[in-house]
N, C-alpha and C. Protein backbone atom coordinates (compact mmCIF):
# COMPACT_ATOMS: atom_id res chain seq x y z
N MET A 1 103.28 81.98 69.37
CA MET A 1 104.32 81.67 68.93
C MET A 1 104.50 80.59 69.39
N PRO A 2 104.97 79.72 69.06
CA PRO A 2 105.43 78.59 69.00
C PRO A 2 107.12 78.80 69.79
N LYS A 3 107.54 77.83 70.21
CA LYS A 3 108.93 78.00 71.30
C LYS A 3 109.96 77.38 69.73
N MET A 4 110.93 78.00 69.65
CA MET A 4 112.13 77.77 68.99
C MET A 4 113.22 76.76 69.07
N LYS A 5 113.33 76.03 68.29
CA LYS A 5 113.75 74.79 68.68
C LYS A 5 115.52 75.30 68.41
N THR A 6 116.52 74.56 69.86
CA THR A 6 117.64 74.44 69.95
C THR A 6 118.27 73.51 68.78
N LYS A 7 119.29 73.79 68.33
CA LYS A 7 120.02 72.99 67.47
C LYS A 7 120.73 72.03 68.09
N LYS A 8 120.64 70.90 68.28
CA LYS A 8 121.20 69.92 69.34
C LYS A 8 122.72 69.61 68.95
N SER A 9 123.00 69.84 67.55
CA SER A 9 124.62 69.32 68.09
C SER A 9 124.81 70.61 68.20
N ALA A 10 124.66 71.85 67.88
CA ALA A 10 125.31 73.10 68.59
C ALA A 10 125.00 73.19 70.48
N ALA A 11 124.21 72.67 70.67
CA ALA A 11 124.21 72.39 72.47
C ALA A 11 124.74 71.11 72.71
N LYS A 12 125.45 70.33 72.11
CA LYS A 12 126.38 69.67 72.15
C LYS A 12 128.16 69.84 72.48
N ARG A 13 127.94 70.92 71.28
CA ARG A 13 129.32 71.81 71.25
C ARG A 13 129.62 72.73 72.35
N PHE A 14 129.18 73.71 72.65
CA PHE A 14 129.04 74.68 72.73
C PHE A 14 128.04 74.67 74.17
N ARG A 15 129.17 75.55 75.71
CA ARG A 15 128.46 75.58 77.09
C ARG A 15 128.45 77.31 77.03
N VAL A 16 127.70 77.49 77.82
CA VAL A 16 127.55 78.86 78.28
C VAL A 16 128.60 79.23 79.39
N ARG A 17 128.62 79.80 79.93
CA ARG A 17 129.78 80.86 80.77
C ARG A 17 129.00 81.45 81.88
N GLY A 18 128.90 82.08 82.69
CA GLY A 18 127.82 82.72 84.07
C GLY A 18 128.67 84.32 83.65
N SER A 19 129.60 84.16 82.66
CA SER A 19 129.57 85.82 82.03
C SER A 19 129.05 85.82 80.95
N GLY A 20 127.80 84.56 80.14
CA GLY A 20 127.34 85.22 78.90
C GLY A 20 128.09 84.70 77.68
N SER A 21 130.01 84.38 77.87
CA SER A 21 130.70 83.75 76.73
C SER A 21 130.32 82.32 76.75
N VAL A 22 130.46 82.17 75.53
CA VAL A 22 130.59 80.85 75.13
C VAL A 22 131.61 80.22 75.03
N LYS A 23 131.84 78.96 75.71
CA LYS A 23 133.29 78.12 75.37
C LYS A 23 132.77 76.67 74.25
N ARG A 24 134.06 76.59 74.08
CA ARG A 24 134.19 75.38 72.97
C ARG A 24 135.78 75.03 73.17
N GLY A 25 135.59 73.93 71.98
CA GLY A 25 136.53 72.45 71.90
C GLY A 25 137.43 73.29 71.13
N GLN A 26 138.46 72.62 71.30
CA GLN A 26 139.40 72.56 70.08
C GLN A 26 139.89 71.81 68.92
N ALA A 27 139.67 72.53 68.19
CA ALA A 27 139.43 71.60 66.61
C ALA A 27 141.00 71.33 65.96
N PHE A 28 141.48 70.53 65.39
CA PHE A 28 142.26 69.82 64.32
C PHE A 28 142.82 68.74 65.94
N LYS A 29 142.59 68.34 66.44
CA LYS A 29 143.04 67.20 67.96
C LYS A 29 142.79 65.65 67.30
N ARG A 30 142.33 65.46 66.37
CA ARG A 30 141.33 64.14 66.65
C ARG A 30 142.01 63.17 65.46
N HIS A 31 143.21 63.45 64.56
CA HIS A 31 144.04 62.34 64.03
C HIS A 31 144.74 63.09 63.18
N ILE A 32 145.58 62.28 62.46
CA ILE A 32 147.05 62.85 61.92
C ILE A 32 147.27 63.72 62.51
N LEU A 33 147.99 62.59 63.88
CA LEU A 33 148.88 63.69 64.79
C LEU A 33 150.09 62.91 64.83
N THR A 34 151.00 62.70 64.04
CA THR A 34 152.07 62.63 63.83
C THR A 34 152.91 63.23 63.37
N LYS A 35 151.80 63.76 62.60
CA LYS A 35 152.73 64.97 61.77
C LYS A 35 152.94 66.41 62.74
N LYS A 36 152.05 66.18 63.71
CA LYS A 36 151.88 67.86 64.51
C LYS A 36 152.85 67.35 65.55
N THR A 37 153.40 68.80 66.19
CA THR A 37 154.53 68.47 66.31
C THR A 37 153.82 68.92 68.19
N THR A 38 155.05 68.19 69.29
CA THR A 38 154.24 67.77 70.57
C THR A 38 154.05 69.46 70.94
N LYS A 39 154.30 70.92 70.55
CA LYS A 39 154.23 71.71 71.17
C LYS A 39 152.42 71.97 71.07
N ASN A 40 152.52 72.20 68.77
CA ASN A 40 151.03 72.49 68.30
C ASN A 40 150.16 71.98 69.18
N LYS A 41 150.80 70.15 69.68
CA LYS A 41 149.01 69.06 70.31
C LYS A 41 149.24 69.53 71.51
N ARG A 42 149.94 70.26 72.34
CA ARG A 42 149.55 70.59 73.90
C ARG A 42 148.77 72.16 73.58
N GLN A 43 148.96 72.95 73.16
CA GLN A 43 148.35 73.96 72.77
C GLN A 43 146.71 73.63 72.26
N LEU A 44 146.68 73.02 71.87
CA LEU A 44 145.51 72.72 71.64
C LEU A 44 144.81 71.39 72.37
N ARG A 45 145.37 71.94 74.18
CA ARG A 45 143.94 70.98 74.98
C ARG A 45 143.68 72.42 75.70
N GLY A 46 142.24 71.40 76.03
CA GLY A 46 141.77 73.10 76.53
C GLY A 46 140.21 73.05 75.75
N THR A 47 140.05 73.89 75.91
CA THR A 47 138.96 75.28 75.41
C THR A 47 139.02 76.76 75.30
N GLU A 48 138.74 77.30 74.68
CA GLU A 48 138.77 77.89 73.76
C GLU A 48 137.22 79.12 74.24
N GLY A 49 137.40 80.03 73.84
CA GLY A 49 136.47 80.96 73.93
C GLY A 49 135.46 81.19 72.33
N VAL A 50 134.23 81.82 72.40
CA VAL A 50 134.11 81.50 70.83
C VAL A 50 134.32 82.85 70.18
N HIS A 51 135.03 83.27 68.92
CA HIS A 51 135.24 84.45 68.52
C HIS A 51 133.80 85.17 68.58
N SER A 52 134.19 86.71 69.12
CA SER A 52 132.75 87.86 68.50
C SER A 52 132.51 87.68 67.29
N THR A 53 133.40 87.16 66.32
CA THR A 53 132.74 87.51 65.31
C THR A 53 131.50 85.79 64.57
N ASN A 54 132.07 85.15 65.49
CA ASN A 54 130.97 84.13 65.22
C ASN A 54 129.93 83.91 66.49
N MET A 55 130.03 84.93 67.49
CA MET A 55 128.31 85.08 68.13
C MET A 55 127.37 85.00 67.96
N ALA A 56 126.95 85.46 66.44
CA ALA A 56 126.00 85.99 66.40
C ALA A 56 125.44 84.83 65.60
N SER A 57 126.21 83.70 65.11
CA SER A 57 125.34 82.20 64.38
C SER A 57 125.26 81.10 65.82
N VAL A 58 126.01 81.37 66.70
CA VAL A 58 125.95 80.77 68.00
C VAL A 58 125.00 80.88 68.68
N LYS A 59 124.85 82.26 68.70
CA LYS A 59 122.93 82.34 70.22
C LYS A 59 122.04 81.92 68.39
N ALA A 60 122.05 82.03 67.48
CA ALA A 60 120.80 81.74 66.33
C ALA A 60 121.12 80.01 66.68
N MET A 61 121.43 79.47 66.99
CA MET A 61 121.36 77.62 66.96
C MET A 61 121.38 78.10 68.21
N LEU A 62 121.64 78.83 69.44
CA LEU A 62 120.63 78.46 70.94
C LEU A 62 120.41 79.17 71.38
N PRO A 63 119.10 79.34 71.12
CA PRO A 63 117.97 80.42 71.50
C PRO A 63 118.25 80.71 72.58
N TYR A 64 117.91 79.84 73.39
CA TYR A 64 117.56 79.81 74.81
C TYR A 64 118.84 79.81 75.93
N ALA A 65 120.24 79.92 75.27
CA ALA A 65 121.21 79.95 76.40
C ALA A 65 121.16 81.45 76.69
């Protein structure tokens, strides 16, 4: 069997933690920031874990992670 290829776009967006969970960046903080509240922008900082309902698709994109 040939090796499975990693989706390179997914490899740049996700990182696997030591526990096996996957972390991702927050969305909705790139542009049109003037109409968003300061509280909203502050809460969009940092990273989040990938939700359990999306883990199957992330694992399919990152077969060796």
